[in-house]
Amino acid sequence: MELIKKIEQDIKTAMREKAKFRLNVLRSLKSALKYEAIEAKEELSPDNLLKILKKQVKSRQQAIELYQQGDRKDLVEKEKAEIEIISEYLPTPLSEQELLAAVNKTIAELSASSMKDMGKVMGSLKDSLGSRADGKLLSSLVRKQLS
């Protein structure tokens, strides 16, 4: 619950600084976290909190795509700014080189040789890398290395 406390502190800071946009984003973020906690009927684990944050970022990325199709540059910039604020609370993602090194290491450890082993490799990588790895990128790297 440290994350929620940090967001609450940042809300107070944004109120003092009269940063309305940041305040609105943080309030909506806190609201989404509280809603999920109520839905789960228990306190959320740190992993669940990170999943919710990623979900918030993903929904804004989808909105950006739609706004770009509709040629709404003003709304695209707004969504990008919201993603920047939310990303402050996410762990720094691993670079593609770091992911590739982890993929190669895991493939060697598991003696994986074909696409049949992809599930085993992905499971091991998800356990070891956690939320710092982008799932799509990780999947494509594993697929490329195994084929």
N, C-alpha and C. Protein backbone atom coordinates (compact mmCIF):
# COMPACT_ATOMS: atom_id res chain seq x y z
N MET A 1 0.82 -1.20 0.00
CA MET A 1 0.00 0.00 0.00
C MET A 1 0.86 1.26 0.00
N GLU A 2 2.17 1.07 -0.07
CA GLU A 2 3.06 2.23 -0.14
C GLU A 2 2.75 3.07 -1.37
N LEU A 3 2.39 2.43 -2.45
CA LEU A 3 2.12 3.14 -3.69
C LEU A 3 0.94 4.10 -3.52
N ILE A 4 -0.11 3.63 -2.87
CA ILE A 4 -1.29 4.49 -2.65
C ILE A 4 -0.91 5.66 -1.75
N LYS A 5 -0.10 5.41 -0.73
CA LYS A 5 0.33 6.50 0.15
C LYS A 5 1.16 7.52 -0.61
N LYS A 6 2.01 7.04 -1.50
CA LYS A 6 2.82 7.96 -2.30
C LYS A 6 1.93 8.80 -3.21
N ILE A 7 0.93 8.17 -3.81
CA ILE A 7 0.01 8.91 -4.67
C ILE A 7 -0.74 9.95 -3.86
N GLU A 8 -1.16 9.58 -2.64
CA GLU A 8 -1.86 10.54 -1.78
C GLU A 8 -0.97 11.72 -1.43
N GLN A 9 0.30 11.45 -1.16
CA GLN A 9 1.24 12.54 -0.88
C GLN A 9 1.42 13.43 -2.10
N ASP A 10 1.49 12.82 -3.26
CA ASP A 10 1.65 13.59 -4.49
C ASP A 10 0.39 14.40 -4.81
N ILE A 11 -0.76 13.89 -4.41
CA ILE A 11 -2.01 14.65 -4.58
C ILE A 11 -1.95 15.91 -3.73
N LYS A 12 -1.50 15.76 -2.48
CA LYS A 12 -1.37 16.93 -1.60
C LYS A 12 -0.40 17.95 -2.17
N THR A 13 0.71 17.45 -2.69
CA THR A 13 1.71 18.35 -3.27
C THR A 13 1.12 19.07 -4.49
N ALA A 14 0.42 18.36 -5.33
CA ALA A 14 -0.19 18.96 -6.51
C ALA A 14 -1.23 20.01 -6.11
N MET A 15 -1.94 19.75 -5.01
CA MET A 15 -2.92 20.73 -4.53
C MET A 15 -2.21 22.00 -4.07
N ARG A 16 -1.12 21.82 -3.34
CA ARG A 16 -0.36 22.99 -2.86
C ARG A 16 0.23 23.78 -4.01
N GLU A 17 0.69 23.08 -5.03
CA GLU A 17 1.31 23.75 -6.18
C GLU A 17 0.28 24.23 -7.20
N LYS A 18 -0.98 23.92 -6.96
CA LYS A 18 -2.08 24.27 -7.86
C LYS A 18 -1.84 23.72 -9.28
N ALA A 19 -1.34 22.50 -9.33
CA ALA A 19 -1.12 21.80 -10.60
C ALA A 19 -2.38 21.01 -10.91
N LYS A 20 -3.35 21.66 -11.54
CA LYS A 20 -4.66 21.06 -11.75
C LYS A 20 -4.63 19.80 -12.60
N PHE A 21 -3.88 19.83 -13.69
CA PHE A 21 -3.84 18.67 -14.57
C PHE A 21 -3.27 17.46 -13.84
N ARG A 22 -2.13 17.65 -13.18
CA ARG A 22 -1.50 16.55 -12.43
C ARG A 22 -2.43 16.07 -11.33
N LEU A 23 -3.10 16.99 -10.67
CA LEU A 23 -4.03 16.65 -9.60
C LEU A 23 -5.16 15.77 -10.13
N ASN A 24 -5.71 16.14 -11.26
CA ASN A 24 -6.80 15.34 -11.84
C ASN A 24 -6.35 13.94 -12.22
N VAL A 25 -5.15 13.83 -12.79
CA VAL A 25 -4.63 12.52 -13.19
C VAL A 25 -4.41 11.65 -11.94
N LEU A 26 -3.80 12.23 -10.91
CA LEU A 26 -3.53 11.47 -9.69
C LEU A 26 -4.81 11.06 -8.99
N ARG A 27 -5.79 11.93 -8.99
CA ARG A 27 -7.08 11.57 -8.38
C ARG A 27 -7.75 10.43 -9.13
N SER A 28 -7.70 10.47 -10.46
CA SER A 28 -8.32 9.38 -11.22
C SER A 28 -7.56 8.07 -11.01
N LEU A 29 -6.25 8.17 -10.85
CA LEU A 29 -5.43 7.00 -10.59
C LEU A 29 -5.77 6.40 -9.24
N LYS A 30 -5.87 7.24 -8.24
CA LYS A 30 -6.21 6.78 -6.88
C LYS A 30 -7.60 6.15 -6.89
N SER A 31 -8.50 6.78 -7.62
CA SER A 31 -9.87 6.26 -7.72
C SER A 31 -9.88 4.87 -8.36
N ALA A 32 -9.11 4.69 -9.42
CA ALA A 32 -9.04 3.38 -10.09
C ALA A 32 -8.47 2.32 -9.14
N LEU A 33 -7.45 2.68 -8.36
CA LEU A 33 -6.86 1.74 -7.42
C LEU A 33 -7.85 1.37 -6.32
N LYS A 34 -8.55 2.36 -5.79
CA LYS A 34 -9.54 2.11 -4.75
C LYS A 34 -10.69 1.25 -5.28
N TYR A 35 -11.11 1.53 -6.50
CA TYR A 35 -12.20 0.76 -7.11
C TYR A 35 -11.81 -0.71 -7.22
N GLU A 36 -10.60 -0.97 -7.69
CA GLU A 36 -10.14 -2.35 -7.82
C GLU A 36 -10.04 -3.04 -6.46
N ALA A 37 -9.63 -2.30 -5.44
CA ALA A 37 -9.54 -2.87 -4.09
C ALA A 37 -10.93 -3.24 -3.58
N ILE A 38 -11.90 -2.40 -3.86
CA ILE A 38 -13.28 -2.67 -3.44
C ILE A 38 -13.82 -3.89 -4.19
N GLU A 39 -13.54 -3.95 -5.50
CA GLU A 39 -13.97 -5.09 -6.31
C GLU A 39 -13.36 -6.40 -5.80
N ALA A 40 -12.08 -6.34 -5.42
CA ALA A 40 -11.39 -7.54 -4.94
C ALA A 40 -11.78 -7.88 -3.51
N LYS A 41 -12.39 -6.94 -2.80
CA LYS A 41 -12.80 -7.10 -1.40
C LYS A 41 -11.63 -7.44 -0.48
N GLU A 42 -10.47 -6.93 -0.85
CA GLU A 42 -9.27 -7.12 -0.02
C GLU A 42 -8.23 -6.09 -0.45
N GLU A 43 -7.18 -5.98 0.36
CA GLU A 43 -6.10 -5.09 -0.01
C GLU A 43 -5.36 -5.65 -1.21
N LEU A 44 -4.95 -4.78 -2.09
CA LEU A 44 -4.27 -5.21 -3.30
C LEU A 44 -2.79 -5.45 -3.03
N SER A 45 -2.26 -6.48 -3.65
CA SER A 45 -0.83 -6.76 -3.53
C SER A 45 -0.06 -5.78 -4.42
N PRO A 46 1.23 -5.60 -4.17
CA PRO A 46 2.02 -4.71 -5.02
C PRO A 46 1.96 -5.11 -6.50
N ASP A 47 1.93 -6.41 -6.79
CA ASP A 47 1.82 -6.86 -8.18
C ASP A 47 0.50 -6.43 -8.81
N ASN A 48 -0.58 -6.54 -8.04
CA ASN A 48 -1.89 -6.12 -8.55
C ASN A 48 -1.93 -4.62 -8.78
N LEU A 49 -1.30 -3.86 -7.89
CA LEU A 49 -1.26 -2.41 -8.06
C LEU A 49 -0.53 -2.05 -9.36
N LEU A 50 0.56 -2.73 -9.62
CA LEU A 50 1.31 -2.47 -10.86
C LEU A 50 0.50 -2.87 -12.09
N LYS A 51 -0.25 -3.97 -12.00
CA LYS A 51 -1.10 -4.38 -13.12
C LYS A 51 -2.15 -3.31 -13.42
N ILE A 52 -2.70 -2.74 -12.37
CA ILE A 52 -3.71 -1.70 -12.55
C ILE A 52 -3.10 -0.47 -13.20
N LEU A 53 -1.91 -0.09 -12.76
CA LEU A 53 -1.23 1.05 -13.36
C LEU A 53 -0.95 0.80 -14.84
N LYS A 54 -0.48 -0.40 -15.16
CA LYS A 54 -0.22 -0.74 -16.55
C LYS A 54 -1.51 -0.70 -17.38
N LYS A 55 -2.60 -1.15 -16.76
CA LYS A 55 -3.89 -1.13 -17.44
C LYS A 55 -4.31 0.32 -17.74
N GLN A 56 -4.04 1.21 -16.80
CA GLN A 56 -4.35 2.63 -17.00
C GLN A 56 -3.53 3.20 -18.16
N VAL A 57 -2.25 2.85 -18.20
CA VAL A 57 -1.39 3.32 -19.29
C VAL A 57 -1.87 2.76 -20.62
N LYS A 58 -2.20 1.48 -20.62
CA LYS A 58 -2.64 0.83 -21.86
C LYS A 58 -3.93 1.47 -22.39
N SER A 59 -4.86 1.79 -21.50
CA SER A 59 -6.11 2.41 -21.96
C SER A 59 -5.85 3.78 -22.57
N ARG A 60 -4.88 4.49 -22.01
CA ARG A 60 -4.54 5.80 -22.58
C ARG A 60 -3.81 5.65 -23.92
N GLN A 61 -3.01 4.60 -24.06
CA GLN A 61 -2.34 4.36 -25.34
C GLN A 61 -3.37 4.03 -26.42
N GLN A 62 -4.39 3.28 -26.05
CA GLN A 62 -5.45 2.97 -27.01
C GLN A 62 -6.20 4.24 -27.39
N ALA A 63 -6.41 5.11 -26.41
CA ALA A 63 -7.09 6.37 -26.70
C ALA A 63 -6.25 7.22 -27.64
N ILE A 64 -4.93 7.20 -27.46
CA ILE A 64 -4.05 7.95 -28.34
C ILE A 64 -4.21 7.48 -29.77
N GLU A 65 -4.25 6.17 -29.97
CA GLU A 65 -4.42 5.63 -31.33
C GLU A 65 -5.72 6.13 -31.96
N LEU A 66 -6.78 6.11 -31.18
CA LEU A 66 -8.08 6.57 -31.70
C LEU A 66 -8.06 8.06 -32.00
N TYR A 67 -7.44 8.84 -31.12
CA TYR A 67 -7.36 10.29 -31.34
C TYR A 67 -6.49 10.61 -32.56
N GLN A 68 -5.45 9.82 -32.78
CA GLN A 68 -4.62 10.05 -33.96
C GLN A 68 -5.40 9.76 -35.23
N GLN A 69 -6.23 8.73 -35.20
CA GLN A 69 -7.07 8.42 -36.36
C GLN A 69 -8.06 9.55 -36.61
N GLY A 70 -8.54 10.16 -35.53
CA GLY A 70 -9.49 11.26 -35.66
C GLY A 70 -8.83 12.61 -35.83
N ASP A 71 -7.50 12.64 -35.94
CA ASP A 71 -6.72 13.86 -36.11
C ASP A 71 -6.99 14.87 -34.99
N ARG A 72 -6.95 14.38 -33.73
CA ARG A 72 -7.16 15.24 -32.56
C ARG A 72 -5.84 15.36 -31.80
N LYS A 73 -4.95 16.18 -32.30
CA LYS A 73 -3.61 16.33 -31.73
C LYS A 73 -3.65 16.84 -30.29
N ASP A 74 -4.63 17.70 -29.99
CA ASP A 74 -4.74 18.25 -28.64
C ASP A 74 -5.00 17.13 -27.62
N LEU A 75 -5.88 16.20 -27.97
CA LEU A 75 -6.20 15.10 -27.06
C LEU A 75 -5.07 14.07 -27.00
N VAL A 76 -4.34 13.92 -28.09
CA VAL A 76 -3.19 13.01 -28.10
C VAL A 76 -2.16 13.50 -27.10
N GLU A 77 -1.88 14.80 -27.12
CA GLU A 77 -0.89 15.37 -26.20
C GLU A 77 -1.35 15.24 -24.75
N LYS A 78 -2.63 15.41 -24.51
CA LYS A 78 -3.18 15.28 -23.16
C LYS A 78 -2.98 13.85 -22.64
N GLU A 79 -3.30 12.88 -23.47
CA GLU A 79 -3.15 11.47 -23.08
C GLU A 79 -1.68 11.12 -22.85
N LYS A 80 -0.79 11.64 -23.69
CA LYS A 80 0.64 11.39 -23.51
C LYS A 80 1.13 11.97 -22.18
N ALA A 81 0.64 13.15 -21.83
CA ALA A 81 1.03 13.76 -20.57
C ALA A 81 0.52 12.93 -19.39
N GLU A 82 -0.67 12.37 -19.52
CA GLU A 82 -1.21 11.51 -18.46
C GLU A 82 -0.36 10.25 -18.32
N ILE A 83 0.06 9.68 -19.44
CA ILE A 83 0.91 8.48 -19.40
C ILE A 83 2.22 8.79 -18.69
N GLU A 84 2.79 9.96 -18.94
CA GLU A 84 4.04 10.34 -18.27
C GLU A 84 3.87 10.38 -16.76
N ILE A 85 2.76 10.93 -16.31
CA ILE A 85 2.51 11.03 -14.87
C ILE A 85 2.33 9.64 -14.26
N ILE A 86 1.55 8.80 -14.90
CA ILE A 86 1.31 7.45 -14.39
C ILE A 86 2.60 6.63 -14.40
N SER A 87 3.43 6.82 -15.43
CA SER A 87 4.67 6.07 -15.56
C SER A 87 5.65 6.35 -14.43
N GLU A 88 5.49 7.45 -13.75
CA GLU A 88 6.36 7.77 -12.60
C GLU A 88 6.22 6.71 -11.51
N TYR A 89 5.09 6.02 -11.46
CA TYR A 89 4.82 5.06 -10.40
C TYR A 89 5.11 3.62 -10.84
N LEU A 90 5.50 3.45 -12.08
CA LEU A 90 5.85 2.13 -12.59
C LEU A 90 7.35 1.91 -12.49
N PRO A 91 7.78 0.67 -12.28
CA PRO A 91 9.22 0.42 -12.28
C PRO A 91 9.79 0.66 -13.68
N THR A 92 11.06 1.04 -13.73
CA THR A 92 11.65 1.30 -15.03
C THR A 92 11.72 0.00 -15.84
N PRO A 93 11.20 0.02 -17.05
CA PRO A 93 11.21 -1.20 -17.85
C PRO A 93 12.62 -1.55 -18.32
N LEU A 94 12.83 -2.82 -18.58
CA LEU A 94 14.12 -3.28 -19.08
C LEU A 94 14.26 -2.91 -20.55
N SER A 95 15.49 -2.63 -20.96
CA SER A 95 15.73 -2.31 -22.37
C SER A 95 15.68 -3.60 -23.19
N GLU A 96 15.64 -3.43 -24.50
CA GLU A 96 15.56 -4.59 -25.39
C GLU A 96 16.81 -5.46 -25.26
N GLN A 97 17.97 -4.83 -25.07
CA GLN A 97 19.21 -5.59 -24.91
C GLN A 97 19.19 -6.40 -23.62
N GLU A 98 18.69 -5.80 -22.54
CA GLU A 98 18.60 -6.53 -21.27
C GLU A 98 17.64 -7.70 -21.38
N LEU A 99 16.52 -7.47 -22.07
CA LEU A 99 15.55 -8.54 -22.27
C LEU A 99 16.14 -9.66 -23.11
N LEU A 100 16.86 -9.30 -24.15
CA LEU A 100 17.46 -10.30 -25.03
C LEU A 100 18.48 -11.14 -24.26
N ALA A 101 19.25 -10.51 -23.40
CA ALA A 101 20.22 -11.24 -22.58
C ALA A 101 19.50 -12.22 -21.65
N ALA A 102 18.40 -11.76 -21.03
CA ALA A 102 17.63 -12.63 -20.13
C ALA A 102 17.00 -13.78 -20.90
N VAL A 103 16.51 -13.51 -22.11
CA VAL A 103 15.90 -14.56 -22.94
C VAL A 103 16.95 -15.61 -23.29
N ASN A 104 18.11 -15.17 -23.74
CA ASN A 104 19.17 -16.12 -24.11
C ASN A 104 19.61 -16.95 -22.91
N LYS A 105 19.74 -16.31 -21.76
CA LYS A 105 20.16 -17.01 -20.55
C LYS A 105 19.12 -18.08 -20.16
N THR A 106 17.84 -17.70 -20.20
CA THR A 106 16.77 -18.63 -19.82
C THR A 106 16.68 -19.78 -20.81
N ILE A 107 16.83 -19.50 -22.09
CA ILE A 107 16.79 -20.56 -23.10
C ILE A 107 17.92 -21.55 -22.85
N ALA A 108 19.10 -21.03 -22.52
CA ALA A 108 20.25 -21.91 -22.25
C ALA A 108 20.01 -22.73 -20.99
N GLU A 109 19.47 -22.10 -19.93
CA GLU A 109 19.22 -22.80 -18.67
C GLU A 109 18.21 -23.93 -18.83
N LEU A 110 17.18 -23.67 -19.62
CA LEU A 110 16.11 -24.65 -19.79
C LEU A 110 16.38 -25.62 -20.94
N SER A 111 17.48 -25.40 -21.64
CA SER A 111 17.82 -26.21 -22.81
C SER A 111 16.68 -26.24 -23.82
N ALA A 112 16.06 -25.08 -24.00
CA ALA A 112 14.95 -24.96 -24.95
C ALA A 112 15.51 -24.93 -26.36
N SER A 113 14.84 -25.63 -27.27
CA SER A 113 15.37 -25.69 -28.63
C SER A 113 14.33 -25.42 -29.72
N SER A 114 13.06 -25.48 -29.36
CA SER A 114 12.04 -25.29 -30.40
C SER A 114 10.87 -24.47 -29.84
N MET A 115 9.94 -24.18 -30.73
CA MET A 115 8.77 -23.39 -30.35
C MET A 115 7.91 -24.14 -29.33
N LYS A 116 8.06 -25.45 -29.22
CA LYS A 116 7.32 -26.22 -28.24
C LYS A 116 7.69 -25.81 -26.82
N ASP A 117 8.89 -25.27 -26.66
CA ASP A 117 9.38 -24.86 -25.34
C ASP A 117 9.04 -23.41 -24.99
N MET A 118 8.34 -22.73 -25.88
CA MET A 118 8.07 -21.31 -25.66
C MET A 118 7.32 -21.04 -24.36
N GLY A 119 6.32 -21.84 -24.06
CA GLY A 119 5.53 -21.64 -22.84
C GLY A 119 6.39 -21.77 -21.60
N LYS A 120 7.26 -22.74 -21.60
CA LYS A 120 8.16 -22.97 -20.47
C LYS A 120 9.11 -21.78 -20.30
N VAL A 121 9.65 -21.29 -21.41
CA VAL A 121 10.58 -20.15 -21.38
C VAL A 121 9.86 -18.89 -20.93
N MET A 122 8.69 -18.64 -21.50
CA MET A 122 7.92 -17.44 -21.14
C MET A 122 7.54 -17.46 -19.66
N GLY A 123 7.11 -18.60 -19.15
CA GLY A 123 6.75 -18.71 -17.75
C GLY A 123 7.91 -18.40 -16.83
N SER A 124 9.06 -18.93 -17.17
CA SER A 124 10.26 -18.68 -16.37
C SER A 124 10.66 -17.21 -16.42
N LEU A 125 10.58 -16.62 -17.61
CA LEU A 125 10.94 -15.20 -17.76
C LEU A 125 9.97 -14.30 -17.00
N LYS A 126 8.68 -14.60 -17.09
CA LYS A 126 7.68 -13.80 -16.37
C LYS A 126 7.93 -13.84 -14.86
N ASP A 127 8.31 -15.02 -14.35
CA ASP A 127 8.59 -15.16 -12.93
C ASP A 127 9.82 -14.35 -12.53
N SER A 128 10.86 -14.41 -13.35
CA SER A 128 12.12 -13.75 -12.98
C SER A 128 12.10 -12.25 -13.24
N LEU A 129 11.46 -11.82 -14.32
CA LEU A 129 11.49 -10.40 -14.68
C LEU A 129 10.31 -9.61 -14.11
N GLY A 130 9.22 -10.28 -13.85
CA GLY A 130 8.06 -9.62 -13.28
C GLY A 130 7.49 -8.54 -14.17
N SER A 131 7.15 -7.43 -13.57
CA SER A 131 6.46 -6.36 -14.29
C SER A 131 7.41 -5.43 -15.04
N ARG A 132 8.70 -5.69 -14.98
CA ARG A 132 9.65 -4.81 -15.65
C ARG A 132 9.79 -5.13 -17.13
N ALA A 133 9.18 -6.23 -17.56
CA ALA A 133 9.30 -6.65 -18.96
C ALA A 133 7.99 -6.41 -19.70
N ASP A 134 8.11 -5.88 -20.91
CA ASP A 134 6.95 -5.71 -21.78
C ASP A 134 6.62 -7.07 -22.39
N GLY A 135 5.41 -7.55 -22.15
CA GLY A 135 5.01 -8.89 -22.58
C GLY A 135 5.12 -9.11 -24.08
N LYS A 136 4.68 -8.13 -24.88
CA LYS A 136 4.71 -8.28 -26.34
C LYS A 136 6.15 -8.39 -26.83
N LEU A 137 7.00 -7.50 -26.34
CA LEU A 137 8.39 -7.51 -26.76
C LEU A 137 9.07 -8.80 -26.33
N LEU A 138 8.79 -9.21 -25.11
CA LEU A 138 9.38 -10.44 -24.58
C LEU A 138 8.97 -11.64 -25.44
N SER A 139 7.70 -11.71 -25.76
CA SER A 139 7.18 -12.80 -26.58
C SER A 139 7.85 -12.83 -27.95
N SER A 140 7.98 -11.67 -28.57
CA SER A 140 8.60 -11.64 -29.90
C SER A 140 10.07 -12.02 -29.84
N LEU A 141 10.77 -11.61 -28.79
CA LEU A 141 12.18 -11.98 -28.64
C LEU A 141 12.34 -13.49 -28.45
N VAL A 142 11.48 -14.07 -27.62
CA VAL A 142 11.55 -15.52 -27.38
C VAL A 142 11.25 -16.27 -28.68
N ARG A 143 10.21 -15.82 -29.37
CA ARG A 143 9.82 -16.47 -30.62
C ARG A 143 10.97 -16.42 -31.63
N LYS A 144 11.60 -15.25 -31.72
CA LYS A 144 12.71 -15.08 -32.67
C LYS A 144 13.91 -15.98 -32.32
N GLN A 145 14.19 -16.10 -31.03
CA GLN A 145 15.33 -16.89 -30.60
C GLN A 145 15.07 -18.39 -30.75
N LEU A 146 13.83 -18.81 -30.60
CA LEU A 146 13.52 -20.24 -30.67
C LEU A 146 13.30 -20.73 -32.11
N SER A 147 13.04 -19.81 -33.01
CA SER A 147 12.78 -20.27 -34.39
C SER A 147 14.05 -20.27 -35.23
